């Protein structure tokens, strides 16, 4: 199911970067925030509500400081899952929620 985090509570701290993952409409803008107390990073494709979450320390470790690289890798895997759901006809309500959010971004 899509994980929707209300980023408006930290709206003044939203960062954005552009990236160009394969199989996505490019350029793609990623919005992300570091939640102050939990030190979790919440990020999403601009224009969608689904929020990916990763601990800040894990993001640093996996990305070696290159957040765009990490976001592209996650979006590549996510696109593969999305395409599987598409092949299956988005048969579950939760997959249809993803379809509705990402249909204009995944090629």
N, C-alpha and C. Protein backbone atom coordinates (compact mmCIF):
# COMPACT_ATOMS: atom_id res chain seq x y z
N UNK A 1 0.83 -1.17 0.00
CA UNK A 1 0.00 0.00 0.00
C UNK A 1 0.87 1.24 0.00
N UNK A 2 0.44 2.25 -0.66
CA UNK A 2 1.23 3.47 -0.63
C UNK A 2 1.36 4.02 0.78
N UNK A 3 2.55 4.46 1.08
CA UNK A 3 2.85 5.09 2.36
C UNK A 3 2.80 6.59 2.12
N UNK A 4 1.84 7.26 2.70
CA UNK A 4 1.69 8.70 2.49
C UNK A 4 2.03 9.44 3.77
N UNK A 5 3.11 10.20 3.74
CA UNK A 5 3.54 11.01 4.88
C UNK A 5 3.24 12.46 4.55
N UNK A 6 2.65 13.16 5.48
CA UNK A 6 2.33 14.57 5.28
C UNK A 6 3.59 15.40 5.47
N UNK A 7 4.22 15.75 4.36
CA UNK A 7 5.45 16.54 4.43
C UNK A 7 5.18 18.00 4.73
N UNK A 8 3.92 18.41 4.73
CA UNK A 8 3.61 19.82 4.97
C UNK A 8 4.01 20.26 6.37
N UNK A 9 4.16 19.32 7.29
CA UNK A 9 4.56 19.67 8.65
C UNK A 9 6.00 20.17 8.70
N UNK A 10 6.78 19.82 7.69
CA UNK A 10 8.17 20.26 7.63
C UNK A 10 8.44 20.96 6.29
N UNK A 11 7.42 21.61 5.78
CA UNK A 11 7.46 22.20 4.44
C UNK A 11 8.66 23.13 4.24
N UNK A 12 9.07 23.82 5.28
CA UNK A 12 10.19 24.75 5.12
C UNK A 12 11.52 24.02 5.01
N UNK A 13 11.52 22.73 5.21
CA UNK A 13 12.76 21.96 5.16
C UNK A 13 12.78 20.96 4.01
N UNK A 14 11.87 21.08 3.07
CA UNK A 14 11.85 20.16 1.93
C UNK A 14 12.98 20.53 0.97
N UNK A 15 13.76 19.52 0.63
CA UNK A 15 14.83 19.68 -0.36
C UNK A 15 14.34 19.05 -1.66
N UNK A 16 14.90 19.49 -2.76
CA UNK A 16 14.53 18.93 -4.06
C UNK A 16 15.78 18.73 -4.89
N UNK A 17 15.77 17.68 -5.68
CA UNK A 17 16.84 17.46 -6.64
C UNK A 17 16.25 16.82 -7.88
N UNK A 18 16.90 17.04 -9.00
CA UNK A 18 16.45 16.44 -10.25
C UNK A 18 17.31 15.24 -10.54
N UNK A 19 16.67 14.23 -11.11
CA UNK A 19 17.36 13.00 -11.47
C UNK A 19 16.74 12.47 -12.76
N UNK A 20 17.38 11.49 -13.34
CA UNK A 20 16.91 10.95 -14.62
C UNK A 20 16.99 9.42 -14.62
N UNK A 21 16.14 8.77 -13.83
CA UNK A 21 16.18 7.31 -13.80
C UNK A 21 15.65 6.70 -15.09
N UNK A 22 16.23 5.58 -15.50
CA UNK A 22 15.77 4.89 -16.70
C UNK A 22 14.33 4.43 -16.53
N UNK A 23 13.54 4.62 -17.60
CA UNK A 23 12.16 4.17 -17.59
C UNK A 23 11.18 5.14 -16.94
N UNK A 24 11.65 6.31 -16.61
CA UNK A 24 10.82 7.34 -16.00
C UNK A 24 10.80 8.57 -16.89
N UNK A 25 9.74 9.36 -16.79
CA UNK A 25 9.69 10.64 -17.49
C UNK A 25 10.77 11.52 -16.88
N UNK A 26 11.62 12.06 -17.72
CA UNK A 26 12.76 12.83 -17.22
C UNK A 26 12.71 14.27 -17.70
N UNK A 27 13.26 15.20 -16.94
CA UNK A 27 13.84 14.98 -15.61
C UNK A 27 12.75 14.77 -14.58
N UNK A 28 13.12 14.09 -13.53
CA UNK A 28 12.20 13.77 -12.46
C UNK A 28 12.67 14.53 -11.22
N UNK A 29 11.76 15.18 -10.53
CA UNK A 29 12.11 15.91 -9.31
C UNK A 29 11.77 15.06 -8.10
N UNK A 30 12.75 14.92 -7.24
CA UNK A 30 12.57 14.20 -5.97
C UNK A 30 12.52 15.24 -4.87
N UNK A 31 11.51 15.13 -4.01
CA UNK A 31 11.40 15.98 -2.83
C UNK A 31 11.73 15.10 -1.63
N UNK A 32 12.56 15.62 -0.72
CA UNK A 32 12.89 14.83 0.47
C UNK A 32 13.08 15.72 1.69
N UNK A 33 12.82 15.12 2.83
CA UNK A 33 13.00 15.81 4.10
C UNK A 33 13.67 14.86 5.08
N UNK A 34 14.43 15.43 5.98
CA UNK A 34 14.98 14.67 7.10
C UNK A 34 14.11 15.01 8.29
N UNK A 35 13.44 14.02 8.82
CA UNK A 35 12.57 14.25 9.97
C UNK A 35 13.46 14.51 11.19
N UNK A 36 13.25 15.63 11.87
CA UNK A 36 14.19 16.09 12.89
C UNK A 36 14.39 15.15 14.08
N UNK A 37 13.37 14.52 14.57
CA UNK A 37 13.52 13.70 15.78
C UNK A 37 13.97 12.29 15.43
N UNK A 38 13.34 11.68 14.45
CA UNK A 38 13.63 10.28 14.12
C UNK A 38 14.85 10.10 13.22
N UNK A 39 15.30 11.17 12.58
CA UNK A 39 16.38 11.11 11.60
C UNK A 39 16.09 10.10 10.49
N UNK A 40 14.83 10.08 10.10
CA UNK A 40 14.40 9.29 8.95
C UNK A 40 14.28 10.25 7.78
N UNK A 41 14.63 9.76 6.59
CA UNK A 41 14.47 10.56 5.38
C UNK A 41 13.21 10.07 4.69
N UNK A 42 12.29 10.98 4.46
CA UNK A 42 11.08 10.70 3.70
C UNK A 42 11.24 11.38 2.35
N UNK A 43 10.99 10.63 1.27
CA UNK A 43 11.14 11.22 -0.05
C UNK A 43 10.07 10.70 -0.98
N UNK A 44 9.81 11.48 -2.02
CA UNK A 44 8.78 11.12 -2.98
C UNK A 44 9.09 11.76 -4.33
N UNK A 45 8.45 11.23 -5.34
CA UNK A 45 8.49 11.85 -6.65
C UNK A 45 7.53 13.03 -6.58
N UNK A 46 8.02 14.20 -6.97
CA UNK A 46 7.17 15.39 -6.92
C UNK A 46 5.91 15.14 -7.77
N UNK A 47 4.77 15.44 -7.20
CA UNK A 47 3.49 15.23 -7.87
C UNK A 47 2.79 13.97 -7.42
N UNK A 48 3.46 13.18 -6.58
CA UNK A 48 2.83 11.98 -6.03
C UNK A 48 2.71 12.13 -4.51
N UNK A 49 1.98 11.21 -3.90
CA UNK A 49 1.84 11.22 -2.45
C UNK A 49 2.64 10.11 -1.79
N UNK A 50 2.91 9.03 -2.53
CA UNK A 50 3.63 7.91 -1.92
C UNK A 50 4.99 8.37 -1.42
N UNK A 51 5.30 8.02 -0.19
CA UNK A 51 6.54 8.45 0.44
C UNK A 51 7.41 7.25 0.76
N UNK A 52 8.62 7.25 0.24
CA UNK A 52 9.61 6.24 0.58
C UNK A 52 10.31 6.71 1.86
N UNK A 53 10.70 5.78 2.71
CA UNK A 53 11.32 6.13 3.98
C UNK A 53 12.58 5.31 4.18
N UNK A 54 13.63 5.96 4.65
CA UNK A 54 14.90 5.29 4.94
C UNK A 54 15.59 6.03 6.08
N UNK A 55 16.22 5.30 6.99
CA UNK A 55 16.99 5.99 8.03
C UNK A 55 18.12 6.80 7.41
N UNK A 56 18.36 7.98 7.95
CA UNK A 56 19.38 8.87 7.41
C UNK A 56 20.75 8.21 7.35
N UNK A 57 21.14 7.52 8.40
CA UNK A 57 22.45 6.86 8.41
C UNK A 57 22.54 5.80 7.32
N UNK A 58 21.46 5.08 7.09
CA UNK A 58 21.45 4.06 6.03
C UNK A 58 21.57 4.72 4.65
N UNK A 59 20.89 5.83 4.48
CA UNK A 59 20.97 6.56 3.21
C UNK A 59 22.41 7.02 2.96
N UNK A 60 23.05 7.54 3.98
CA UNK A 60 24.44 7.96 3.83
C UNK A 60 25.33 6.77 3.44
N UNK A 61 25.11 5.65 4.11
CA UNK A 61 25.92 4.45 3.84
C UNK A 61 25.71 3.95 2.41
N UNK A 62 24.45 3.81 2.00
CA UNK A 62 24.15 3.26 0.67
C UNK A 62 24.52 4.20 -0.46
N UNK A 63 24.33 5.49 -0.23
CA UNK A 63 24.52 6.46 -1.32
C UNK A 63 25.92 7.06 -1.36
N UNK A 64 26.67 6.89 -0.27
CA UNK A 64 27.98 7.53 -0.14
C UNK A 64 27.87 9.03 -0.42
N UNK A 65 26.75 9.61 0.02
CA UNK A 65 26.52 11.05 -0.14
C UNK A 65 25.87 11.45 -1.44
N UNK A 66 25.68 10.51 -2.36
CA UNK A 66 25.05 10.79 -3.65
C UNK A 66 23.59 10.35 -3.58
N UNK A 67 22.74 11.20 -3.02
CA UNK A 67 21.35 10.85 -2.82
C UNK A 67 20.66 10.52 -4.14
N UNK A 68 20.97 11.26 -5.19
CA UNK A 68 20.32 11.01 -6.49
C UNK A 68 20.56 9.58 -6.95
N UNK A 69 21.77 9.08 -6.74
CA UNK A 69 22.08 7.69 -7.12
C UNK A 69 21.17 6.72 -6.38
N UNK A 70 21.03 6.91 -5.08
CA UNK A 70 20.18 6.03 -4.28
C UNK A 70 18.73 6.10 -4.76
N UNK A 71 18.22 7.32 -4.95
CA UNK A 71 16.84 7.47 -5.39
C UNK A 71 16.62 6.78 -6.74
N UNK A 72 17.57 6.91 -7.65
CA UNK A 72 17.46 6.26 -8.96
C UNK A 72 17.43 4.75 -8.82
N UNK A 73 18.25 4.19 -7.95
CA UNK A 73 18.27 2.74 -7.75
C UNK A 73 16.94 2.25 -7.20
N UNK A 74 16.40 2.96 -6.23
CA UNK A 74 15.11 2.57 -5.65
C UNK A 74 14.01 2.69 -6.70
N UNK A 75 14.02 3.78 -7.46
CA UNK A 75 12.99 3.97 -8.49
C UNK A 75 13.10 2.94 -9.60
N UNK A 76 14.29 2.49 -9.91
CA UNK A 76 14.47 1.43 -10.90
C UNK A 76 13.77 0.15 -10.42
N UNK A 77 14.01 -0.23 -9.17
CA UNK A 77 13.37 -1.43 -8.60
C UNK A 77 11.86 -1.25 -8.50
N UNK A 78 11.45 -0.07 -8.07
CA UNK A 78 10.02 0.20 -7.95
C UNK A 78 9.34 0.08 -9.31
N UNK A 79 9.97 0.60 -10.36
CA UNK A 79 9.40 0.53 -11.71
C UNK A 79 9.23 -0.93 -12.14
N UNK A 80 10.18 -1.78 -11.80
CA UNK A 80 10.06 -3.20 -12.14
C UNK A 80 8.82 -3.81 -11.47
N UNK A 81 8.62 -3.49 -10.19
CA UNK A 81 7.43 -3.98 -9.49
C UNK A 81 6.16 -3.43 -10.14
N UNK A 82 6.18 -2.14 -10.44
CA UNK A 82 5.03 -1.48 -11.07
C UNK A 82 4.67 -2.18 -12.37
N UNK A 83 5.67 -2.49 -13.19
CA UNK A 83 5.44 -3.15 -14.47
C UNK A 83 4.86 -4.56 -14.27
N UNK A 84 5.27 -5.24 -13.22
CA UNK A 84 4.67 -6.54 -12.89
C UNK A 84 3.20 -6.38 -12.53
N UNK A 85 2.89 -5.37 -11.73
CA UNK A 85 1.49 -5.12 -11.37
C UNK A 85 0.68 -4.78 -12.61
N UNK A 86 1.29 -4.01 -13.52
CA UNK A 86 0.62 -3.64 -14.76
C UNK A 86 0.31 -4.88 -15.59
N UNK A 87 1.27 -5.79 -15.70
CA UNK A 87 1.08 -7.04 -16.44
C UNK A 87 -0.07 -7.85 -15.84
N UNK A 88 -0.20 -7.80 -14.54
CA UNK A 88 -1.27 -8.53 -13.84
C UNK A 88 -2.60 -7.78 -13.89
N UNK A 89 -2.60 -6.60 -14.48
CA UNK A 89 -3.84 -5.83 -14.59
C UNK A 89 -4.19 -5.03 -13.35
N UNK A 90 -3.18 -4.71 -12.53
CA UNK A 90 -3.42 -3.95 -11.29
C UNK A 90 -4.64 -4.54 -10.56
N UNK A 91 -4.55 -5.83 -10.27
CA UNK A 91 -5.73 -6.55 -9.75
C UNK A 91 -6.08 -6.25 -8.29
N UNK A 92 -5.20 -5.62 -7.56
CA UNK A 92 -5.51 -5.30 -6.17
C UNK A 92 -5.72 -3.79 -6.02
N UNK A 93 -6.55 -3.41 -5.09
CA UNK A 93 -6.83 -1.99 -4.86
C UNK A 93 -5.56 -1.20 -4.59
N UNK A 94 -4.66 -1.76 -3.78
CA UNK A 94 -3.44 -1.02 -3.44
C UNK A 94 -2.54 -0.84 -4.66
N UNK A 95 -2.54 -1.78 -5.61
CA UNK A 95 -1.73 -1.58 -6.82
C UNK A 95 -2.37 -0.51 -7.71
N UNK A 96 -3.69 -0.42 -7.67
CA UNK A 96 -4.37 0.63 -8.43
C UNK A 96 -4.06 2.01 -7.85
N UNK A 97 -3.86 2.09 -6.54
CA UNK A 97 -3.46 3.35 -5.92
C UNK A 97 -2.10 3.79 -6.46
N UNK A 98 -1.17 2.85 -6.57
CA UNK A 98 0.13 3.16 -7.16
C UNK A 98 -0.02 3.56 -8.62
N UNK A 99 -0.84 2.84 -9.36
CA UNK A 99 -1.08 3.17 -10.78
C UNK A 99 -1.55 4.61 -10.91
N UNK A 100 -2.52 4.98 -10.09
CA UNK A 100 -3.08 6.33 -10.17
C UNK A 100 -2.05 7.40 -9.86
N UNK A 101 -1.12 7.10 -8.96
CA UNK A 101 -0.11 8.09 -8.60
C UNK A 101 1.05 8.17 -9.60
N UNK A 102 1.41 7.04 -10.20
CA UNK A 102 2.64 6.99 -10.99
C UNK A 102 2.45 6.82 -12.49
N UNK A 103 1.23 6.72 -12.96
CA UNK A 103 0.99 6.47 -14.40
C UNK A 103 1.57 7.54 -15.30
N UNK A 104 1.69 8.77 -14.83
CA UNK A 104 2.24 9.84 -15.64
C UNK A 104 3.74 9.99 -15.53
N UNK A 105 4.37 9.13 -14.73
CA UNK A 105 5.80 9.25 -14.49
C UNK A 105 6.61 8.05 -14.98
N UNK A 106 5.96 6.89 -15.08
CA UNK A 106 6.67 5.67 -15.49
C UNK A 106 6.36 5.41 -16.96
N UNK A 107 7.42 5.17 -17.74
CA UNK A 107 7.23 4.88 -19.18
C UNK A 107 7.27 3.39 -19.43
